[in-house]
C-alpha atoms as a PDB file:
ATOM      1  CA  MET A   1       9.133   7.700  -9.573  1.00  0.00           C
ATOM      2  CA  PHE A   2       6.120   7.897 -11.908  1.00  0.00           C
ATOM      3  CA  PRO A   3       4.843   6.099 -13.776  1.00  0.00           C
ATOM      4  CA  PRO A   4       5.551   2.814 -11.964  1.00  0.00           C
ATOM      5  CA  SER A   5       7.551   0.238 -13.888  1.00  0.00           C
ATOM      6  CA  PHE A   6       6.179  -3.307 -13.862  1.00  0.00           C
ATOM      7  CA  ASP A   7       8.954  -5.025 -15.802  1.00  0.00           C
ATOM      8  CA  THR A   8      10.205  -6.702 -12.592  1.00  0.00           C
ATOM      9  CA  LEU A   9       6.782  -7.665 -11.255  1.00  0.00           C
ATOM     10  CA  PRO A  10       7.601 -11.393 -10.773  1.00  0.00           C
ATOM     11  CA  GLU A  11      10.755 -10.519  -8.834  1.00  0.00           C
ATOM     12  CA  THR A  12       8.866  -7.985  -6.706  1.00  0.00           C
ATOM     13  CA  THR A  13       6.021 -10.414  -5.999  1.00  0.00           C
ATOM     14  CA  ALA A  14       8.466 -13.122  -4.888  1.00  0.00           C
ATOM     15  CA  ALA A  15      10.256 -10.682  -2.564  1.00  0.00           C
ATOM     16  CA  LEU A  16       6.946  -9.509  -1.123  1.00  0.00           C
ATOM     17  CA  LEU A  17       5.885 -13.103  -0.495  1.00  0.00           C
ATOM     18  CA  GLU A  18       9.192 -13.671   1.286  1.00  0.00           C
ATOM     19  CA  THR A  19       8.478 -10.629   3.476  1.00  0.00           C
ATOM     20  CA  VAL A  20       5.066 -12.030   4.442  1.00  0.00           C
ATOM     21  CA  GLN A  21       6.683 -15.379   5.269  1.00  0.00           C
ATOM     22  CA  ILE A  22       9.330 -13.675   7.420  1.00  0.00           C
ATOM     23  CA  ALA A  23       6.638 -11.749   9.305  1.00  0.00           C
ATOM     24  CA  PHE A  24       4.410 -14.799   9.768  1.00  0.00           C
ATOM     25  CA  VAL A  25       7.076 -17.223  10.970  1.00  0.00           C
ATOM     26  CA  GLY A  26       8.730 -14.580  13.149  1.00  0.00           C
ATOM     27  CA  THR A  27       5.412 -13.659  14.746  1.00  0.00           C
ATOM     28  CA  VAL A  28       4.512 -17.284  15.470  1.00  0.00           C
ATOM     29  CA  VAL A  29       7.919 -18.065  16.993  1.00  0.00           C
ATOM     30  CA  GLY A  30       7.851 -14.864  19.057  1.00  0.00           C
ATOM     31  CA  PHE A  31       4.339 -15.642  20.290  1.00  0.00           C
ATOM     32  CA  VAL A  32       5.252 -19.199  21.314  1.00  0.00           C
ATOM     33  CA  LEU A  33       8.135 -17.803  23.380  1.00  0.00           C
ATOM     34  CA  ALA A  34       6.149 -14.859  24.757  1.00  0.00           C
ATOM     35  CA  LEU A  35       3.237 -16.879  26.124  1.00  0.00           C
ATOM     36  CA  PRO A  36       5.129 -18.682  28.932  1.00  0.00           C
ATOM     37  CA  ALA A  37       7.445 -15.714  29.558  1.00  0.00           C
ATOM     38  CA  SER A  38       4.512 -13.343  30.071  1.00  0.00           C
ATOM     39  CA  ALA A  39       2.891 -15.828  32.441  1.00  0.00           C
ATOM     40  CA  PHE A  40       5.994 -15.866  34.668  1.00  0.00           C
ATOM     41  CA  ALA A  41       5.950 -12.039  34.663  1.00  0.00           C
ATOM     42  CA  MET A  42       2.541 -11.877  36.397  1.00  0.00           C
ATOM     43  CA  ARG A  43       2.916 -10.252  39.802  1.00  0.00           C
ATOM     44  CA  ASN A  44      -0.536 -11.367  40.959  1.00  0.00           C
ATOM     45  CA  ILE A  45       0.449 -15.048  40.721  1.00  0.00           C
ATOM     46  CA  PHE A  46       4.234 -15.387  41.000  1.00  0.00           C
ATOM     47  CA  PRO A  47       6.508 -13.869  43.677  1.00  0.00           C
ATOM     48  CA  SER A  48       8.776 -10.919  42.942  1.00  0.00           C
ATOM     49  CA  TYR A  49      11.959 -13.031  42.850  1.00  0.00           C
ATOM     50  CA  VAL A  50      10.465 -14.713  39.758  1.00  0.00           C
ATOM     51  CA  THR A  51       8.742 -11.765  38.081  1.00  0.00           C
ATOM     52  CA  SER A  52      11.477  -9.134  38.542  1.00  0.00           C
ATOM     53  CA  PRO A  53      14.259 -10.864  36.574  1.00  0.00           C
ATOM     54  CA  VAL A  54      11.783 -11.991  33.919  1.00  0.00           C
ATOM     55  CA  ARG A  55      10.490  -8.445  33.464  1.00  0.00           C
ATOM     56  CA  ALA A  56      14.010  -7.028  33.400  1.00  0.00           C
ATOM     57  CA  PHE A  57      14.998  -9.466  30.650  1.00  0.00           C
ATOM     58  CA  LEU A  58      11.850  -8.749  28.638  1.00  0.00           C
ATOM     59  CA  GLY A  59      12.456  -5.029  29.035  1.00  0.00           C
ATOM     60  CA  PHE A  60      15.938  -5.399  27.571  1.00  0.00           C
ATOM     61  CA  VAL A  61      14.691  -7.428  24.597  1.00  0.00           C
ATOM     62  CA  ARG A  62      11.868  -4.970  23.960  1.00  0.00           C
ATOM     63  CA  THR A  63      14.121  -1.901  24.171  1.00  0.00           C
ATOM     64  CA  VAL A  64      16.423  -3.049  21.369  1.00  0.00           C
ATOM     65  CA  PRO A  65      14.824  -2.111  18.003  1.00  0.00           C
ATOM     66  CA  ALA A  66      14.078  -4.781  15.418  1.00  0.00           C
ATOM     67  CA  LEU A  67      16.530  -3.197  12.971  1.00  0.00           C
ATOM     68  CA  PHE A  68      19.383  -3.708  15.435  1.00  0.00           C
ATOM     69  CA  TRP A  69      18.392  -7.346  15.966  1.00  0.00           C
ATOM     70  CA  ALA A  70      18.447  -7.725  12.181  1.00  0.00           C
ATOM     71  CA  VAL A  71      22.023  -6.420  12.049  1.00  0.00           C
ATOM     72  CA  VAL A  72      23.022  -8.828  14.839  1.00  0.00           C
ATOM     73  CA  PHE A  73      21.519 -11.836  13.078  1.00  0.00           C
ATOM     74  CA  VAL A  74      22.909 -10.844   9.670  1.00  0.00           C
ATOM     75  CA  ILE A  75      26.339 -10.943  11.297  1.00  0.00           C
ATOM     76  CA  ALA A  76      25.514 -14.237  13.046  1.00  0.00           C
ATOM     77  CA  VAL A  77      23.841 -16.243  10.266  1.00  0.00           C
ATOM     78  CA  GLY A  78      24.534 -14.219   7.118  1.00  0.00           C
ATOM     79  CA  LEU A  79      22.392 -12.294   4.651  1.00  0.00           C
ATOM     80  CA  GLY A  80      18.917 -13.549   3.826  1.00  0.00           C
ATOM     81  CA  PRO A  81      15.457 -14.262   5.230  1.00  0.00           C
ATOM     82  CA  LEU A  82      16.697 -16.372   8.159  1.00  0.00           C
ATOM     83  CA  ALA A  83      18.268 -13.289   9.744  1.00  0.00           C
ATOM     84  CA  GLY A  84      15.058 -11.334   9.201  1.00  0.00           C
ATOM     85  CA  THR A  85      12.908 -14.098  10.662  1.00  0.00           C
ATOM     86  CA  LEU A  86      15.061 -14.336  13.791  1.00  0.00           C
ATOM     87  CA  ALA A  87      15.025 -10.555  14.222  1.00  0.00           C
ATOM     88  CA  VAL A  88      11.232 -10.429  13.930  1.00  0.00           C
ATOM     89  CA  ALA A  89      10.885 -13.375  16.326  1.00  0.00           C
ATOM     90  CA  VAL A  90      13.054 -11.797  19.032  1.00  0.00           C
ATOM     91  CA  TYR A  91      11.385  -8.399  18.754  1.00  0.00           C
ATOM     92  CA  SER A  92       7.899  -9.980  18.739  1.00  0.00           C
ATOM     93  CA  PHE A  93       8.868 -12.003  21.809  1.00  0.00           C
ATOM     94  CA  GLY A  94       9.727  -8.877  23.800  1.00  0.00           C
ATOM     95  CA  TYR A  95       6.841  -6.764  22.542  1.00  0.00           C
ATOM     96  CA  LEU A  96       4.127  -9.418  22.874  1.00  0.00           C
ATOM     97  CA  SER A  97       5.341 -10.416  26.347  1.00  0.00           C
ATOM     98  CA  LYS A  98       4.715  -6.885  27.593  1.00  0.00           C
ATOM     99  CA  LEU A  99       1.235  -6.714  26.075  1.00  0.00           C
ATOM    100  CA  LEU A 100       0.272 -10.162  27.291  1.00  0.00           C
ATOM    101  CA  TYR A 101       1.399  -9.971  30.914  1.00  0.00           C
ATOM    102  CA  GLU A 102      -0.450  -6.672  31.300  1.00  0.00           C
ATOM    103  CA  ALA A 103      -3.574  -8.317  29.878  1.00  0.00           C
ATOM    104  CA  PHE A 104      -3.087 -11.348  32.141  1.00  0.00           C
ATOM    105  CA  GLU A 105      -2.789  -9.191  35.240  1.00  0.00           C
ATOM    106  CA  ALA A 106      -6.133  -7.593  34.364  1.00  0.00           C
ATOM    107  CA  VAL A 107      -7.980 -10.908  34.786  1.00  0.00           C
ATOM    108  CA  ASP A 108     -10.727 -10.666  37.417  1.00  0.00           C
ATOM    109  CA  ALA A 109      -9.236 -11.480  40.827  1.00  0.00           C
ATOM    110  CA  GLU A 110     -12.421 -13.321  41.816  1.00  0.00           C
ATOM    111  CA  VAL A 111     -11.807 -15.888  39.089  1.00  0.00           C
ATOM    112  CA  LEU A 112      -8.314 -16.535  40.442  1.00  0.00           C
ATOM    113  CA  ASP A 113      -9.541 -16.685  44.050  1.00  0.00           C
ATOM    114  CA  ALA A 114     -12.190 -19.245  43.113  1.00  0.00           C
ATOM    115  CA  LEU A 115      -9.479 -21.595  41.873  1.00  0.00           C
ATOM    116  CA  LYS A 116      -7.046 -20.817  44.693  1.00  0.00           C
ATOM    117  CA  VAL A 117      -9.503 -22.055  47.325  1.00  0.00           C
ATOM    118  CA  THR A 118      -9.553 -25.434  45.566  1.00  0.00           C
ATOM    119  CA  GLY A 119      -5.803 -25.740  46.080  1.00  0.00           C
ATOM    120  CA  ALA A 120      -4.902 -25.188  42.427  1.00  0.00           C
ATOM    121  CA  SER A 121      -1.215 -24.632  41.706  1.00  0.00           C
ATOM    122  CA  ARG A 122       0.122 -21.494  40.047  1.00  0.00           C
ATOM    123  CA  LEU A 123       0.521 -23.238  36.710  1.00  0.00           C
ATOM    124  CA  VAL A 124      -3.070 -24.479  36.869  1.00  0.00           C
ATOM    125  CA  LEU A 125      -4.200 -20.921  37.609  1.00  0.00           C
ATOM    126  CA  VAL A 126      -2.370 -19.698  34.547  1.00  0.00           C
ATOM    127  CA  ARG A 127      -3.680 -22.432  32.270  1.00  0.00           C
ATOM    128  CA  GLN A 128      -7.275 -22.705  33.503  1.00  0.00           C
ATOM    129  CA  ALA A 129      -8.032 -19.123  34.483  1.00  0.00           C
ATOM    130  CA  VAL A 130      -5.619 -16.613  32.990  1.00  0.00           C
ATOM    131  CA  PHE A 131      -5.266 -18.035  29.481  1.00  0.00           C
ATOM    132  CA  THR A 132      -8.975 -18.844  29.232  1.00  0.00           C
ATOM    133  CA  GLU A 133     -10.142 -15.426  30.405  1.00  0.00           C
ATOM    134  CA  SER A 134      -7.627 -13.602  28.202  1.00  0.00           C
ATOM    135  CA  MET A 135      -8.132 -15.552  24.979  1.00  0.00           C
ATOM    136  CA  ASN A 136      -9.814 -12.678  23.130  1.00  0.00           C
ATOM    137  CA  ASN A 137      -6.952 -10.388  24.071  1.00  0.00           C
ATOM    138  CA  ILE A 138      -4.352 -12.982  23.078  1.00  0.00           C
ATOM    139  CA  VAL A 139      -5.819 -13.381  19.583  1.00  0.00           C
ATOM    140  CA  SER A 140      -6.215  -9.630  19.146  1.00  0.00           C
ATOM    141  CA  GLN A 141      -2.613  -8.895  20.140  1.00  0.00           C
ATOM    142  CA  LEU A 142      -1.321 -11.703  17.928  1.00  0.00           C
ATOM    143  CA  LEU A 143      -3.125 -10.292  14.889  1.00  0.00           C
ATOM    144  CA  PHE A 144      -1.850  -6.806  15.656  1.00  0.00           C
ATOM    145  CA  MET A 145       1.718  -8.084  15.953  1.00  0.00           C
ATOM    146  CA  PHE A 146       1.508  -9.820  12.591  1.00  0.00           C
ATOM    147  CA  GLU A 147       0.214  -6.643  10.920  1.00  0.00           C
ATOM    148  CA  TYR A 148       3.027  -4.649  12.499  1.00  0.00           C
ATOM    149  CA  ASN A 149       5.671  -7.169  11.491  1.00  0.00           C
ATOM    150  CA  ILE A 150       4.659  -6.990   7.825  1.00  0.00           C
ATOM    151  CA  ARG A 151       5.719  -3.342   7.778  1.00  0.00           C
ATOM    152  CA  SER A 152       8.728  -3.977  10.004  1.00  0.00           C
ATOM    153  CA  SER A 153       9.970  -6.851   7.835  1.00  0.00           C
ATOM    154  CA  ALA A 154       9.975  -4.611   4.772  1.00  0.00           C
ATOM    155  CA  VAL A 155      12.471  -2.298   6.495  1.00  0.00           C
ATOM    156  CA  LEU A 156      14.731  -5.119   7.715  1.00  0.00           C
ATOM    157  CA  GLY A 157      15.732  -5.868   4.138  1.00  0.00           C
ATOM    158  CA  PHE A 158      17.640  -2.583   4.095  1.00  0.00           C
ATOM    159  CA  VAL A 159      20.355  -4.230   6.224  1.00  0.00           C
ATOM    160  CA  GLY A 160      20.343  -7.453   4.206  1.00  0.00           C
ATOM    161  CA  ALA A 161      17.769  -9.423   6.204  1.00  0.00           C
ATOM    162  CA  GLY A 162      15.841 -10.575   3.145  1.00  0.00           C
ATOM    163  CA  GLY A 163      12.420  -9.700   1.837  1.00  0.00           C
ATOM    164  CA  VAL A 164      11.146  -6.761  -0.143  1.00  0.00           C
ATOM    165  CA  GLY A 165      13.339  -4.227   1.666  1.00  0.00           C
ATOM    166  CA  PHE A 166      16.444  -5.749   0.099  1.00  0.00           C
ATOM    167  CA  LEU A 167      14.836  -5.196  -3.297  1.00  0.00           C
ATOM    168  CA  MET A 168      13.900  -1.613  -2.389  1.00  0.00           C
ATOM    169  CA  ILE A 169      17.433  -0.638  -1.488  1.00  0.00           C
ATOM    170  CA  SER A 170      18.812  -2.235  -4.668  1.00  0.00           C
ATOM    171  CA  TYR A 171      16.338  -0.238  -6.801  1.00  0.00           C
ATOM    172  CA  ILE A 172      17.249   2.991  -5.012  1.00  0.00           C
ATOM    173  CA  GLU A 173      20.984   2.418  -5.416  1.00  0.00           C
ATOM    174  CA  SER A 174      20.581   1.625  -9.120  1.00  0.00           C
ATOM    175  CA  LEU A 175      18.276   4.662  -9.657  1.00  0.00           C
ATOM    176  CA  ARG A 176      15.380   2.443 -10.782  1.00  0.00           C
ATOM    177  CA  TYR A 177      12.751   4.611  -9.146  1.00  0.00           C
ATOM    178  CA  GLY A 178       9.879   3.334 -11.282  1.00  0.00           C
ATOM    179  CA  ASN A 179      10.492  -0.176  -9.962  1.00  0.00           C
ATOM    180  CA  PHE A 180      10.780   1.248  -6.465  1.00  0.00           C
ATOM    181  CA  THR A 181       7.311   2.800  -6.833  1.00  0.00           C
ATOM    182  CA  THR A 182       5.935  -0.570  -7.899  1.00  0.00           C
ATOM    183  CA  VAL A 183       7.361  -2.172  -4.747  1.00  0.00           C
ATOM    184  CA  LEU A 184       5.778   0.535  -2.582  1.00  0.00           C
ATOM    185  CA  LEU A 185       2.370   0.116  -4.222  1.00  0.00           C
ATOM    186  CA  LEU A 186       2.406  -3.676  -3.907  1.00  0.00           C
ATOM    187  CA  THR A 187       3.535  -3.424  -0.283  1.00  0.00           C
ATOM    188  CA  LEU A 188       0.699  -0.997   0.446  1.00  0.00           C
ATOM    189  CA  ALA A 189      -1.815  -3.330  -1.210  1.00  0.00           C
ATOM    190  CA  THR A 190      -0.495  -6.266   0.836  1.00  0.00           C
ATOM    191  CA  VAL A 191      -0.721  -4.368   4.124  1.00  0.00           C
ATOM    192  CA  ILE A 192      -4.297  -3.274   3.343  1.00  0.00           C
ATOM    193  CA  ALA A 193      -5.293  -6.841   2.411  1.00  0.00           C
ATOM    194  CA  ILE A 194      -3.852  -8.230   5.641  1.00  0.00           C
ATOM    195  CA  ASP A 195      -5.576  -5.495   7.651  1.00  0.00           C
ATOM    196  CA  LEU A 196      -8.925  -6.398   6.056  1.00  0.00           C
ATOM    197  CA  ALA A 197      -8.336 -10.106   6.707  1.00  0.00           C
ATOM    198  CA  SER A 198      -7.451  -9.338  10.327  1.00  0.00           C
ATOM    199  CA  GLY A 199     -10.657  -7.358  10.716  1.00  0.00           C
ATOM    200  CA  TYR A 200     -12.648 -10.263   9.305  1.00  0.00           C
ATOM    201  CA  ILE A 201     -11.028 -12.705  11.741  1.00  0.00           C
ATOM    202  CA  ARG A 202     -11.801 -10.406  14.670  1.00  0.00           C
ATOM    203  CA  LYS A 203     -15.419 -10.084  13.565  1.00  0.00           C
ATOM    204  CA  LYS A 204     -15.793 -13.815  12.974  1.00  0.00           C
ATOM    205  CA  PHE A 205     -14.004 -15.339  15.936  1.00  0.00           C
ATOM    206  CA  LEU A 206     -13.781 -12.776  18.745  1.00  0.00           C
ATOM    207  CA  PRO A 207     -16.962 -12.748  20.876  1.00  0.00           C
ATOM    208  CA  GLY A 208     -18.135  -9.278  21.766  1.00  0.00           C
ATOM    209  CA  PHE A 209     -16.460  -7.626  18.755  1.00  0.00           C
ATOM    210  CA  ARG A 210     -19.106  -5.633  16.918  1.00  0.00           C
ATOM    211  CA  PRO A 211     -17.991  -3.178  14.234  1.00  0.00           C
ATOM    212  CA  SER A 212     -19.891   0.066  13.917  1.00  0.00           C
ATOM    213  CA  THR A 213     -22.654   0.122  11.275  1.00  0.00           C
END
């Protein structure tokens, strides 16, 4: 595996960019779906006949690993980044929903009671109180999910779901281990860069976040 071989650097860079795109689009789609679903899973606002089926469905989605979803979507839509994006979106939907409805249920009950006495509806409570009070948590979980999906998307390529993983498996099968090392190093550099950018965003835009000095 050493030394790394950089003769396919353009091809590797393009595949890595595709992986980042899969992770980004999948995370955004999953988040858009998870936000309303997690709201309807809140037991402190909605009755059990609403929350129980929602939580059961989210539990099922979350239990199925992303790699299995990738296989399902490869069968459904064919090889390529679309299958990977859909797999990441579905897995992010289930995972983020769990994190978000637990954060939403931790909102101070006094804030909710203050709006309830004004006759506010459940949807108004969610929009005006829950989402507002949980915004820091929402952003933090969204950034974490994106970081996680970068690594997850790299693996999805092993089953033909596009991205850098597809390139990895082709290098392994053709015994091009030097190129494989190059892919690993570039993937590591990308993950570190995204982690640093995420830390900067948290420091810049999340009130109350103070890194140790």
